[in-house]
Protein backbone atom coordinates (compact mmCIF):
# COMPACT_ATOMS: atom_id res chain seq x y z
CA UNK A 1 0.00 0.00 0.00
CA UNK A 2 1.33 3.45 -0.91
CA UNK A 3 0.62 6.93 0.40
CA UNK A 4 -0.09 9.66 -2.18
CA UNK A 5 0.57 13.21 -1.06
CA UNK A 6 -0.98 15.87 -3.24
CA UNK A 7 0.72 19.25 -2.90
CA UNK A 8 -0.06 22.46 -4.78
CA UNK A 9 2.74 21.90 -7.30
CA UNK A 10 3.76 18.25 -6.83
CA UNK A 11 2.37 14.74 -6.39
CA UNK A 12 4.54 12.53 -4.16
CA UNK A 13 4.04 8.78 -3.76
CA UNK A 14 5.55 7.11 -0.67
CA UNK A 15 6.09 3.44 0.09
CA UNK A 16 6.75 3.44 3.81
CA UNK A 17 9.28 6.24 4.28
CA UNK A 18 10.72 5.95 0.77
CA UNK A 19 9.66 8.30 -2.05
CA UNK A 20 8.92 6.09 -5.05
CA UNK A 21 7.53 8.83 -7.31
CA UNK A 22 7.67 12.60 -7.37
CA UNK A 23 6.01 14.46 -10.23
CA UNK A 24 5.04 18.01 -11.07
CA UNK A 25 1.32 18.52 -10.85
CA UNK A 26 -0.62 19.46 -13.99
CA UNK A 27 -4.08 21.01 -13.99
CA UNK A 28 -4.87 20.79 -17.71
CA UNK A 29 -8.06 18.99 -18.69
CA UNK A 30 -8.49 16.25 -21.28
CA UNK A 31 -4.76 15.73 -21.70
CA UNK A 32 -2.60 12.72 -20.93
CA UNK A 33 0.93 13.41 -19.73
CA UNK A 34 3.48 10.59 -20.02
CA UNK A 35 6.90 10.25 -18.49
CA UNK A 36 8.76 7.96 -20.96
CA UNK A 37 11.24 6.88 -18.28
CA UNK A 38 8.42 5.04 -16.49
CA UNK A 39 7.84 2.91 -19.58
CA UNK A 40 11.40 1.58 -20.05
CA UNK A 41 10.46 -1.92 -18.81
CA UNK A 42 7.70 -2.02 -21.45
CA UNK A 43 10.18 -0.88 -24.09
CA UNK A 44 12.45 -3.82 -23.23
CA UNK A 45 9.61 -6.27 -23.90
CA UNK A 46 8.01 -4.47 -26.86
CA UNK A 47 10.68 -3.04 -29.22
CA UNK A 48 8.10 -1.36 -31.47
CA UNK A 49 6.99 0.82 -28.57
CA UNK A 50 9.84 3.26 -29.27
CA UNK A 51 8.37 3.94 -32.70
CA UNK A 52 4.64 3.52 -32.00
CA UNK A 53 4.07 3.83 -28.25
CA UNK A 54 2.22 6.89 -26.98
CA UNK A 55 4.75 7.60 -24.17
CA UNK A 56 7.61 7.73 -26.70
CA UNK A 57 5.96 9.65 -29.58
CA UNK A 58 7.08 13.12 -28.53
CA UNK A 59 10.31 11.98 -26.88
CA UNK A 60 13.10 13.71 -28.75
CA UNK A 61 16.09 11.39 -28.31
CA UNK A 62 18.04 12.81 -31.25
CA UNK A 63 17.49 14.68 -34.45
CA UNK A 64 15.17 12.59 -36.58
CA UNK A 65 16.32 12.06 -40.16
CA UNK A 66 14.13 12.44 -43.25
CA UNK A 67 12.09 9.17 -43.44
CA UNK A 68 12.94 8.71 -47.14
CA UNK A 69 16.72 8.98 -46.71
CA UNK A 70 19.36 6.27 -46.43
CA UNK A 71 20.21 7.61 -43.01
CA UNK A 72 16.64 6.89 -41.88
CA UNK A 73 16.99 3.28 -43.02
CA UNK A 74 20.27 2.94 -41.11
CA UNK A 75 18.60 4.48 -38.05
CA UNK A 76 15.76 1.94 -38.26
CA UNK A 77 18.31 -0.87 -38.35
CA UNK A 78 20.07 0.57 -35.28
CA UNK A 79 16.80 0.96 -33.35
CA UNK A 80 17.36 -2.18 -31.23
CA UNK A 81 20.69 -0.72 -30.07
CA UNK A 82 18.99 2.53 -29.04
CA UNK A 83 16.52 0.41 -27.11
CA UNK A 84 19.37 -1.50 -25.46
CA UNK A 85 21.13 1.72 -24.44
CA UNK A 86 17.90 3.05 -22.94
CA UNK A 87 17.43 -0.30 -21.19
CA UNK A 88 20.91 0.04 -19.69
CA UNK A 89 19.49 2.91 -17.62
CA UNK A 90 17.51 0.29 -15.67
CA UNK A 91 20.70 -1.65 -14.81
CA UNK A 92 23.32 1.09 -14.55
CA UNK A 93 21.39 4.29 -13.81
CA UNK A 94 20.98 7.41 -15.89
CA UNK A 95 24.21 9.07 -14.69
CA UNK A 96 26.35 6.06 -15.73
CA UNK A 97 24.71 5.85 -19.17
CA UNK A 98 25.15 9.59 -19.72
CA UNK A 99 28.83 9.30 -18.74
CA UNK A 100 29.30 6.36 -21.12
CA UNK A 101 27.63 8.33 -23.94
CA UNK A 102 29.92 11.30 -23.23
CA UNK A 103 32.99 9.04 -23.29
CA UNK A 104 31.94 7.49 -26.60
CA UNK A 105 31.24 10.91 -28.13
CA UNK A 106 34.60 12.20 -26.92
CA UNK A 107 36.33 9.24 -28.57
CA UNK A 108 34.43 9.96 -31.78
CA UNK A 109 32.93 6.46 -32.00
CA UNK A 110 29.47 6.97 -30.57
CA UNK A 111 27.42 3.89 -31.31
CA UNK A 112 25.16 1.81 -29.14
CA UNK A 113 27.62 -1.08 -29.05
CA UNK A 114 30.44 1.18 -27.88
CA UNK A 115 28.27 2.72 -25.16
CA UNK A 116 27.27 -0.73 -23.90
CA UNK A 117 30.94 -1.82 -23.95
CA UNK A 118 31.95 1.24 -21.91
CA UNK A 119 29.23 0.43 -19.36
CA UNK A 120 30.38 -3.19 -19.13
CA UNK A 121 34.02 -2.14 -18.74
CA UNK A 122 33.16 0.29 -15.95
CA UNK A 123 31.20 -2.35 -14.08
CA UNK A 124 34.14 -4.80 -13.98
CA UNK A 125 36.97 -4.10 -11.54
CA UNK A 126 40.33 -3.21 -13.07
CA UNK A 127 42.89 -6.01 -12.97
CA UNK A 128 46.59 -5.67 -13.52
CA UNK A 129 47.61 -7.50 -16.69
CA UNK A 130 49.57 -10.67 -16.05
CA UNK A 131 53.27 -10.35 -16.82
CA UNK A 132 54.49 -12.72 -19.51
CA UNK A 133 56.42 -15.73 -18.29
CA UNK A 134 60.01 -16.01 -19.43
CA UNK A 135 60.50 -18.67 -22.07
CA UNK A 136 63.23 -21.27 -21.79
CA UNK A 137 65.33 -22.14 -24.74
CA UNK A 138 66.66 -25.64 -25.13
C-alpha atoms as a PDB file:
ATOM      1  CA  UNK A   1       0.000   0.000   0.000  1.00  0.00           C
ATOM      2  CA  UNK A   2       1.334   3.454  -0.913  1.00  0.00           C
ATOM      3  CA  UNK A   3       0.620   6.926   0.403  1.00  0.00           C
ATOM      4  CA  UNK A   4      -0.090   9.657  -2.176  1.00  0.00           C
ATOM      5  CA  UNK A   5       0.573  13.213  -1.062  1.00  0.00           C
ATOM      6  CA  UNK A   6      -0.975  15.865  -3.245  1.00  0.00           C
ATOM      7  CA  UNK A   7       0.720  19.254  -2.899  1.00  0.00           C
ATOM      8  CA  UNK A   8      -0.056  22.457  -4.783  1.00  0.00           C
ATOM      9  CA  UNK A   9       2.741  21.899  -7.304  1.00  0.00           C
ATOM     10  CA  UNK A  10       3.761  18.248  -6.826  1.00  0.00           C
ATOM     11  CA  UNK A  11       2.373  14.739  -6.393  1.00  0.00           C
ATOM     12  CA  UNK A  12       4.535  12.530  -4.160  1.00  0.00           C
ATOM     13  CA  UNK A  13       4.043   8.777  -3.758  1.00  0.00           C
ATOM     14  CA  UNK A  14       5.552   7.113  -0.675  1.00  0.00           C
ATOM     15  CA  UNK A  15       6.089   3.436   0.094  1.00  0.00           C
ATOM     16  CA  UNK A  16       6.748   3.435   3.809  1.00  0.00           C
ATOM     17  CA  UNK A  17       9.282   6.241   4.284  1.00  0.00           C
ATOM     18  CA  UNK A  18      10.722   5.949   0.769  1.00  0.00           C
ATOM     19  CA  UNK A  19       9.659   8.295  -2.049  1.00  0.00           C
ATOM     20  CA  UNK A  20       8.923   6.088  -5.054  1.00  0.00           C
ATOM     21  CA  UNK A  21       7.531   8.827  -7.312  1.00  0.00           C
ATOM     22  CA  UNK A  22       7.668  12.604  -7.365  1.00  0.00           C
ATOM     23  CA  UNK A  23       6.012  14.455 -10.234  1.00  0.00           C
ATOM     24  CA  UNK A  24       5.040  18.010 -11.069  1.00  0.00           C
ATOM     25  CA  UNK A  25       1.321  18.521 -10.853  1.00  0.00           C
ATOM     26  CA  UNK A  26      -0.623  19.465 -13.990  1.00  0.00           C
ATOM     27  CA  UNK A  27      -4.078  21.013 -13.993  1.00  0.00           C
ATOM     28  CA  UNK A  28      -4.868  20.787 -17.706  1.00  0.00           C
ATOM     29  CA  UNK A  29      -8.065  18.986 -18.689  1.00  0.00           C
ATOM     30  CA  UNK A  30      -8.489  16.246 -21.279  1.00  0.00           C
ATOM     31  CA  UNK A  31      -4.757  15.729 -21.697  1.00  0.00           C
ATOM     32  CA  UNK A  32      -2.598  12.718 -20.925  1.00  0.00           C
ATOM     33  CA  UNK A  33       0.931  13.413 -19.729  1.00  0.00           C
ATOM     34  CA  UNK A  34       3.480  10.594 -20.022  1.00  0.00           C
ATOM     35  CA  UNK A  35       6.899  10.246 -18.492  1.00  0.00           C
ATOM     36  CA  UNK A  36       8.755   7.963 -20.956  1.00  0.00           C
ATOM     37  CA  UNK A  37      11.240   6.882 -18.283  1.00  0.00           C
ATOM     38  CA  UNK A  38       8.425   5.043 -16.494  1.00  0.00           C
ATOM     39  CA  UNK A  39       7.841   2.907 -19.578  1.00  0.00           C
ATOM     40  CA  UNK A  40      11.395   1.576 -20.055  1.00  0.00           C
ATOM     41  CA  UNK A  41      10.455  -1.916 -18.811  1.00  0.00           C
ATOM     42  CA  UNK A  42       7.696  -2.018 -21.449  1.00  0.00           C
ATOM     43  CA  UNK A  43      10.184  -0.884 -24.091  1.00  0.00           C
ATOM     44  CA  UNK A  44      12.449  -3.823 -23.235  1.00  0.00           C
ATOM     45  CA  UNK A  45       9.605  -6.273 -23.903  1.00  0.00           C
ATOM     46  CA  UNK A  46       8.006  -4.465 -26.858  1.00  0.00           C
ATOM     47  CA  UNK A  47      10.675  -3.044 -29.217  1.00  0.00           C
ATOM     48  CA  UNK A  48       8.097  -1.356 -31.466  1.00  0.00           C
ATOM     49  CA  UNK A  49       6.992   0.817 -28.565  1.00  0.00           C
ATOM     50  CA  UNK A  50       9.843   3.255 -29.270  1.00  0.00           C
ATOM     51  CA  UNK A  51       8.373   3.939 -32.696  1.00  0.00           C
ATOM     52  CA  UNK A  52       4.644   3.521 -32.000  1.00  0.00           C
ATOM     53  CA  UNK A  53       4.066   3.826 -28.250  1.00  0.00           C
ATOM     54  CA  UNK A  54       2.219   6.888 -26.979  1.00  0.00           C
ATOM     55  CA  UNK A  55       4.747   7.603 -24.169  1.00  0.00           C
ATOM     56  CA  UNK A  56       7.606   7.732 -26.696  1.00  0.00           C
ATOM     57  CA  UNK A  57       5.960   9.649 -29.579  1.00  0.00           C
ATOM     58  CA  UNK A  58       7.079  13.123 -28.531  1.00  0.00           C
ATOM     59  CA  UNK A  59      10.308  11.981 -26.878  1.00  0.00           C
ATOM     60  CA  UNK A  60      13.104  13.713 -28.754  1.00  0.00           C
ATOM     61  CA  UNK A  61      16.087  11.387 -28.312  1.00  0.00           C
ATOM     62  CA  UNK A  62      18.037  12.810 -31.247  1.00  0.00           C
ATOM     63  CA  UNK A  63      17.486  14.684 -34.446  1.00  0.00           C
ATOM     64  CA  UNK A  64      15.171  12.591 -36.579  1.00  0.00           C
ATOM     65  CA  UNK A  65      16.317  12.061 -40.164  1.00  0.00           C
ATOM     66  CA  UNK A  66      14.127  12.443 -43.253  1.00  0.00           C
ATOM     67  CA  UNK A  67      12.091   9.175 -43.444  1.00  0.00           C
ATOM     68  CA  UNK A  68      12.945   8.707 -47.137  1.00  0.00           C
ATOM     69  CA  UNK A  69      16.724   8.976 -46.707  1.00  0.00           C
ATOM     70  CA  UNK A  70      19.361   6.272 -46.432  1.00  0.00           C
ATOM     71  CA  UNK A  71      20.208   7.609 -43.011  1.00  0.00           C
ATOM     72  CA  UNK A  72      16.645   6.894 -41.884  1.00  0.00           C
ATOM     73  CA  UNK A  73      16.988   3.281 -43.022  1.00  0.00           C
ATOM     74  CA  UNK A  74      20.268   2.942 -41.111  1.00  0.00           C
ATOM     75  CA  UNK A  75      18.596   4.476 -38.053  1.00  0.00           C
ATOM     76  CA  UNK A  76      15.762   1.939 -38.259  1.00  0.00           C
ATOM     77  CA  UNK A  77      18.313  -0.874 -38.355  1.00  0.00           C
ATOM     78  CA  UNK A  78      20.068   0.574 -35.277  1.00  0.00           C
ATOM     79  CA  UNK A  79      16.803   0.961 -33.352  1.00  0.00           C
ATOM     80  CA  UNK A  80      17.363  -2.179 -31.226  1.00  0.00           C
ATOM     81  CA  UNK A  81      20.688  -0.720 -30.071  1.00  0.00           C
ATOM     82  CA  UNK A  82      18.985   2.531 -29.040  1.00  0.00           C
ATOM     83  CA  UNK A  83      16.519   0.406 -27.107  1.00  0.00           C
ATOM     84  CA  UNK A  84      19.371  -1.500 -25.459  1.00  0.00           C
ATOM     85  CA  UNK A  85      21.134   1.716 -24.438  1.00  0.00           C
ATOM     86  CA  UNK A  86      17.896   3.045 -22.945  1.00  0.00           C
ATOM     87  CA  UNK A  87      17.431  -0.302 -21.192  1.00  0.00           C
ATOM     88  CA  UNK A  88      20.906   0.039 -19.693  1.00  0.00           C
ATOM     89  CA  UNK A  89      19.494   2.907 -17.616  1.00  0.00           C
ATOM     90  CA  UNK A  90      17.515   0.286 -15.672  1.00  0.00           C
ATOM     91  CA  UNK A  91      20.699  -1.650 -14.813  1.00  0.00           C
ATOM     92  CA  UNK A  92      23.325   1.091 -14.551  1.00  0.00           C
ATOM     93  CA  UNK A  93      21.394   4.288 -13.807  1.00  0.00           C
ATOM     94  CA  UNK A  94      20.985   7.413 -15.891  1.00  0.00           C
ATOM     95  CA  UNK A  95      24.213   9.073 -14.691  1.00  0.00           C
ATOM     96  CA  UNK A  96      26.349   6.063 -15.727  1.00  0.00           C
ATOM     97  CA  UNK A  97      24.709   5.847 -19.171  1.00  0.00           C
ATOM     98  CA  UNK A  98      25.148   9.594 -19.719  1.00  0.00           C
ATOM     99  CA  UNK A  99      28.826   9.305 -18.740  1.00  0.00           C
ATOM    100  CA  UNK A 100      29.304   6.356 -21.122  1.00  0.00           C
ATOM    101  CA  UNK A 101      27.631   8.331 -23.939  1.00  0.00           C
ATOM    102  CA  UNK A 102      29.917  11.303 -23.234  1.00  0.00           C
ATOM    103  CA  UNK A 103      32.994   9.041 -23.289  1.00  0.00           C
ATOM    104  CA  UNK A 104      31.941   7.490 -26.601  1.00  0.00           C
ATOM    105  CA  UNK A 105      31.238  10.912 -28.134  1.00  0.00           C
ATOM    106  CA  UNK A 106      34.597  12.205 -26.915  1.00  0.00           C
ATOM    107  CA  UNK A 107      36.333   9.238 -28.570  1.00  0.00           C
ATOM    108  CA  UNK A 108      34.426   9.962 -31.784  1.00  0.00           C
ATOM    109  CA  UNK A 109      32.929   6.464 -32.001  1.00  0.00           C
ATOM    110  CA  UNK A 110      29.468   6.972 -30.566  1.00  0.00           C
ATOM    111  CA  UNK A 111      27.419   3.890 -31.308  1.00  0.00           C
ATOM    112  CA  UNK A 112      25.160   1.808 -29.139  1.00  0.00           C
ATOM    113  CA  UNK A 113      27.618  -1.083 -29.050  1.00  0.00           C
ATOM    114  CA  UNK A 114      30.444   1.181 -27.879  1.00  0.00           C
ATOM    115  CA  UNK A 115      28.271   2.717 -25.163  1.00  0.00           C
ATOM    116  CA  UNK A 116      27.269  -0.729 -23.904  1.00  0.00           C
ATOM    117  CA  UNK A 117      30.937  -1.817 -23.946  1.00  0.00           C
ATOM    118  CA  UNK A 118      31.950   1.244 -21.910  1.00  0.00           C
ATOM    119  CA  UNK A 119      29.233   0.433 -19.357  1.00  0.00           C
ATOM    120  CA  UNK A 120      30.376  -3.195 -19.126  1.00  0.00           C
ATOM    121  CA  UNK A 121      34.018  -2.143 -18.738  1.00  0.00           C
ATOM    122  CA  UNK A 122      33.156   0.291 -15.950  1.00  0.00           C
ATOM    123  CA  UNK A 123      31.201  -2.353 -14.076  1.00  0.00           C
ATOM    124  CA  UNK A 124      34.140  -4.797 -13.979  1.00  0.00           C
ATOM    125  CA  UNK A 125      36.972  -4.099 -11.538  1.00  0.00           C
ATOM    126  CA  UNK A 126      40.327  -3.214 -13.067  1.00  0.00           C
ATOM    127  CA  UNK A 127      42.895  -6.006 -12.968  1.00  0.00           C
ATOM    128  CA  UNK A 128      46.587  -5.671 -13.518  1.00  0.00           C
ATOM    129  CA  UNK A 129      47.615  -7.499 -16.689  1.00  0.00           C
ATOM    130  CA  UNK A 130      49.574 -10.670 -16.048  1.00  0.00           C
ATOM    131  CA  UNK A 131      53.268 -10.347 -16.825  1.00  0.00           C
ATOM    132  CA  UNK A 132      54.489 -12.717 -19.511  1.00  0.00           C
ATOM    133  CA  UNK A 133      56.424 -15.727 -18.289  1.00  0.00           C
ATOM    134  CA  UNK A 134      60.011 -16.008 -19.427  1.00  0.00           C
ATOM    135  CA  UNK A 135      60.496 -18.668 -22.068  1.00  0.00           C
ATOM    136  CA  UNK A 136      63.231 -21.265 -21.787  1.00  0.00           C
ATOM    137  CA  UNK A 137      65.331 -22.136 -24.738  1.00  0.00           C
ATOM    138  CA  UNK A 138      66.660 -25.645 -25.125  1.00  0.00           C
END
